[in-house]
């Protein structure tokens, strides 16, 4: 029986937006991946001190965003792990829970230059494939320097969670920037107002 090949898209998703959903769906349907799991990070070691909606609320937003797509799944595996979350520790936990799965890291090319600073980055690259998607204004020419790194020509989407939070605070519409169910939940709960 074939091992399921799962792409892992890590993020704070503060909030999840259309760019995240399009990217996850694209990776799940235009590559050799069987599915993409969106791993909601309770606290990134690189975002300590940033304004952050609660982890459960962000997980709910991700779940709402992908509720009708059987190729995408929201994952809260890091919620019960020590904080801040480190990718290698999460990968170890996922391999423990799903020993019959293969995992691929999905990463924007803007994050690739910082990968050597990640905890046990050598192990991450030795044990996992990394699919890199383009980011606006970034030219990571050495992206193929490692044999486990593959560039995927995914659509360029320049939407940021910061922009969406700023729109909400300014009373501007976020329609189409986030999935409809996400917009409804944000408005109902009054997040970022």
Protein backbone atom coordinates (compact mmCIF):
# COMPACT_ATOMS: atom_id res chain seq x y z
CA UNK A 1 0.00 0.00 0.00
CA UNK A 2 1.28 3.46 -0.95
CA UNK A 3 2.37 5.78 1.86
CA UNK A 4 0.28 8.96 1.82
CA UNK A 5 2.46 11.96 0.95
CA UNK A 6 1.35 14.94 3.01
CA UNK A 7 2.39 18.55 2.54
CA UNK A 8 2.69 20.54 5.76
CA UNK A 9 1.92 24.24 5.61
CA UNK A 10 2.92 25.76 8.94
CA UNK A 11 1.68 29.15 10.02
CA UNK A 12 0.18 31.34 12.67
CA UNK A 13 -2.77 32.00 10.29
CA UNK A 14 -3.56 35.26 12.10
CA UNK A 15 -5.97 35.15 10.23
CA UNK A 16 -5.96 32.56 7.46
CA UNK A 17 -6.61 34.27 4.13
CA UNK A 18 -7.41 33.44 0.53
CA UNK A 19 -3.71 33.24 -0.37
CA UNK A 20 -3.17 30.45 2.18
CA UNK A 21 -6.18 28.49 0.94
CA UNK A 22 -5.30 28.86 -2.75
CA UNK A 23 -1.70 27.83 -2.08
CA UNK A 24 -2.68 24.80 0.02
CA UNK A 25 -5.22 23.65 -2.58
CA UNK A 26 -2.77 24.24 -5.43
CA UNK A 27 -0.08 22.16 -3.70
CA UNK A 28 -2.59 19.37 -2.97
CA UNK A 29 -3.83 19.21 -6.56
CA UNK A 30 -0.90 20.29 -8.78
CA UNK A 31 1.93 18.28 -7.20
CA UNK A 32 2.46 14.67 -6.17
CA UNK A 33 1.01 15.35 -2.70
CA UNK A 34 -2.06 13.44 -1.55
CA UNK A 35 -3.16 16.19 0.82
CA UNK A 36 -2.01 19.33 2.59
CA UNK A 37 -2.30 19.75 6.34
CA UNK A 38 -2.35 23.32 7.66
CA UNK A 39 -0.45 23.24 10.95
CA UNK A 40 -1.64 26.06 13.18
CA UNK A 41 1.31 27.21 15.26
CA UNK A 42 0.45 28.50 18.73
CA UNK A 43 3.67 30.52 18.88
CA UNK A 44 6.41 30.82 16.29
CA UNK A 45 9.89 31.36 17.77
CA UNK A 46 10.24 34.13 15.16
CA UNK A 47 6.99 35.91 16.15
CA UNK A 48 7.34 36.17 19.93
CA UNK A 49 5.63 39.31 21.19
CA UNK A 50 3.52 39.82 18.05
CA UNK A 51 -0.22 40.50 18.40
CA UNK A 52 -1.83 37.09 18.12
CA UNK A 53 -5.41 35.87 18.27
CA UNK A 54 -5.83 32.84 20.57
CA UNK A 55 -4.75 29.49 19.12
CA UNK A 56 -8.23 27.95 19.31
CA UNK A 57 -9.78 30.92 17.49
CA UNK A 58 -7.14 30.71 14.74
CA UNK A 59 -7.66 26.94 14.47
CA UNK A 60 -11.42 27.54 14.12
CA UNK A 61 -10.79 30.08 11.34
CA UNK A 62 -8.58 27.59 9.48
CA UNK A 63 -11.18 24.84 9.89
CA UNK A 64 -13.90 27.14 8.52
CA UNK A 65 -11.71 28.18 5.59
CA UNK A 66 -11.15 24.61 4.38
CA UNK A 67 -14.33 22.90 5.58
CA UNK A 68 -15.46 21.82 2.09
CA UNK A 69 -12.12 20.56 0.77
CA UNK A 70 -11.29 16.92 1.46
CA UNK A 71 -7.67 17.41 0.32
CA UNK A 72 -7.00 19.93 3.12
CA UNK A 73 -6.94 19.41 6.88
CA UNK A 74 -6.43 21.72 9.87
CA UNK A 75 -4.00 20.41 12.48
CA UNK A 76 -3.58 21.54 16.09
CA UNK A 77 -0.76 19.11 16.93
CA UNK A 78 1.49 21.90 18.25
CA UNK A 79 -1.04 23.09 20.86
CA UNK A 80 -0.05 20.36 23.33
CA UNK A 81 3.67 20.64 22.61
CA UNK A 82 6.21 22.85 24.42
CA UNK A 83 6.27 26.48 23.26
CA UNK A 84 7.66 28.01 21.20
CA UNK A 85 7.07 25.44 18.47
CA UNK A 86 10.02 24.12 16.49
CA UNK A 87 9.41 22.45 13.14
CA UNK A 88 11.73 19.50 13.84
CA UNK A 89 9.86 18.67 17.06
CA UNK A 90 6.52 18.82 15.24
CA UNK A 91 7.86 16.58 12.47
CA UNK A 92 9.04 14.05 15.07
CA UNK A 93 5.60 14.11 16.72
CA UNK A 94 3.80 13.67 13.38
CA UNK A 95 6.06 10.75 12.44
CA UNK A 96 5.26 9.18 15.82
CA UNK A 97 1.51 9.64 15.27
CA UNK A 98 1.45 8.77 11.56
CA UNK A 99 4.31 6.32 10.94
CA UNK A 100 2.80 5.27 7.57
CA UNK A 101 2.87 8.85 6.15
CA UNK A 102 5.60 10.78 4.36
CA UNK A 103 5.81 14.50 5.07
CA UNK A 104 6.91 17.37 2.86
CA UNK A 105 7.51 20.88 4.19
CA UNK A 106 5.86 23.64 2.17
CA UNK A 107 7.81 26.88 2.41
CA UNK A 108 7.79 30.28 0.79
CA UNK A 109 11.06 31.17 -0.88
CA UNK A 110 11.27 34.20 1.44
CA UNK A 111 11.71 31.77 4.38
CA UNK A 112 14.31 29.58 2.71
CA UNK A 113 17.36 31.81 3.40
CA UNK A 114 16.56 31.67 7.13
CA UNK A 115 16.27 27.87 7.22
CA UNK A 116 19.87 27.34 8.45
CA UNK A 117 18.89 29.20 11.66
CA UNK A 118 16.05 26.75 12.39
CA UNK A 119 16.53 24.18 15.14
CA UNK A 120 18.23 21.10 13.63
CA UNK A 121 17.82 22.42 10.09
CA UNK A 122 20.31 19.81 8.84
CA UNK A 123 17.99 17.05 10.09
CA UNK A 124 14.94 18.75 8.56
CA UNK A 125 16.63 18.74 5.14
CA UNK A 126 18.08 15.24 5.52
CA UNK A 127 14.78 13.63 6.52
CA UNK A 128 12.18 15.60 4.55
CA UNK A 129 11.56 17.00 1.11
CA UNK A 130 10.88 20.74 0.96
CA UNK A 131 8.61 22.22 -1.69
CA UNK A 132 9.29 25.93 -2.14
CA UNK A 133 6.70 28.27 -3.60
CA UNK A 134 7.47 31.73 -5.01
CA UNK A 135 6.92 34.89 -3.02
CA UNK A 136 6.47 38.36 -4.52
CA UNK A 137 9.71 40.34 -4.73
CA UNK A 138 11.93 37.43 -3.67
CA UNK A 139 14.61 35.85 -5.81
CA UNK A 140 16.10 32.87 -4.00
CA UNK A 141 18.45 31.85 -6.80
CA UNK A 142 20.21 29.21 -4.68
CA UNK A 143 16.88 27.55 -3.90
CA UNK A 144 17.84 24.30 -5.65
CA UNK A 145 21.17 24.05 -3.82
CA UNK A 146 19.93 21.08 -1.76
CA UNK A 147 18.70 17.90 -3.48
CA UNK A 148 15.62 17.68 -1.22
CA UNK A 149 14.42 21.17 -2.16
CA UNK A 150 12.05 21.48 -5.11
CA UNK A 151 10.64 24.71 -6.55
CA UNK A 152 6.93 24.58 -7.36
CA UNK A 153 5.64 27.23 -9.74
CA UNK A 154 2.60 28.13 -7.68
CA UNK A 155 0.57 31.32 -8.21
CA UNK A 156 2.05 34.49 -6.68
CA UNK A 157 -0.36 35.88 -4.10
CA UNK A 158 0.61 39.02 -2.23
CA UNK A 159 -1.94 39.01 0.59
CA UNK A 160 -0.84 39.35 4.19
CA UNK A 161 -2.59 38.76 7.50
CA UNK A 162 -1.21 42.12 8.67
CA UNK A 163 -2.99 43.88 5.79
CA UNK A 164 -6.24 42.10 6.66
CA UNK A 165 -5.99 43.05 10.36
CA UNK A 166 -5.28 46.66 9.35
CA UNK A 167 -8.36 46.65 7.08
CA UNK A 168 -10.55 45.38 9.92
CA UNK A 169 -9.26 48.05 12.31
CA UNK A 170 -9.90 50.73 9.67
CA UNK A 171 -13.45 49.47 9.10
CA UNK A 172 -12.63 48.43 5.51
CA UNK A 173 -14.03 45.37 3.75
CA UNK A 174 -12.07 42.11 3.79
CA UNK A 175 -14.43 40.41 1.36
CA UNK A 176 -12.55 38.04 -1.00
CA UNK A 177 -9.33 38.54 1.00
CA UNK A 178 -10.52 35.77 3.32
CA UNK A 179 -12.96 32.92 2.68
CA UNK A 180 -16.59 33.93 3.24
CA UNK A 181 -17.01 31.73 6.35
CA UNK A 182 -13.85 33.27 7.85
CA UNK A 183 -15.10 36.80 7.20
CA UNK A 184 -18.41 35.96 8.87
CA UNK A 185 -16.74 34.49 11.96
CA UNK A 186 -14.32 37.43 12.30
CA UNK A 187 -17.19 39.92 12.07
CA UNK A 188 -19.40 37.93 14.45
CA UNK A 189 -16.66 37.72 17.09
CA UNK A 190 -15.36 41.25 16.57
CA UNK A 191 -11.74 40.16 16.18
CA UNK A 192 -9.14 42.94 15.69
CA UNK A 193 -11.57 45.76 16.29
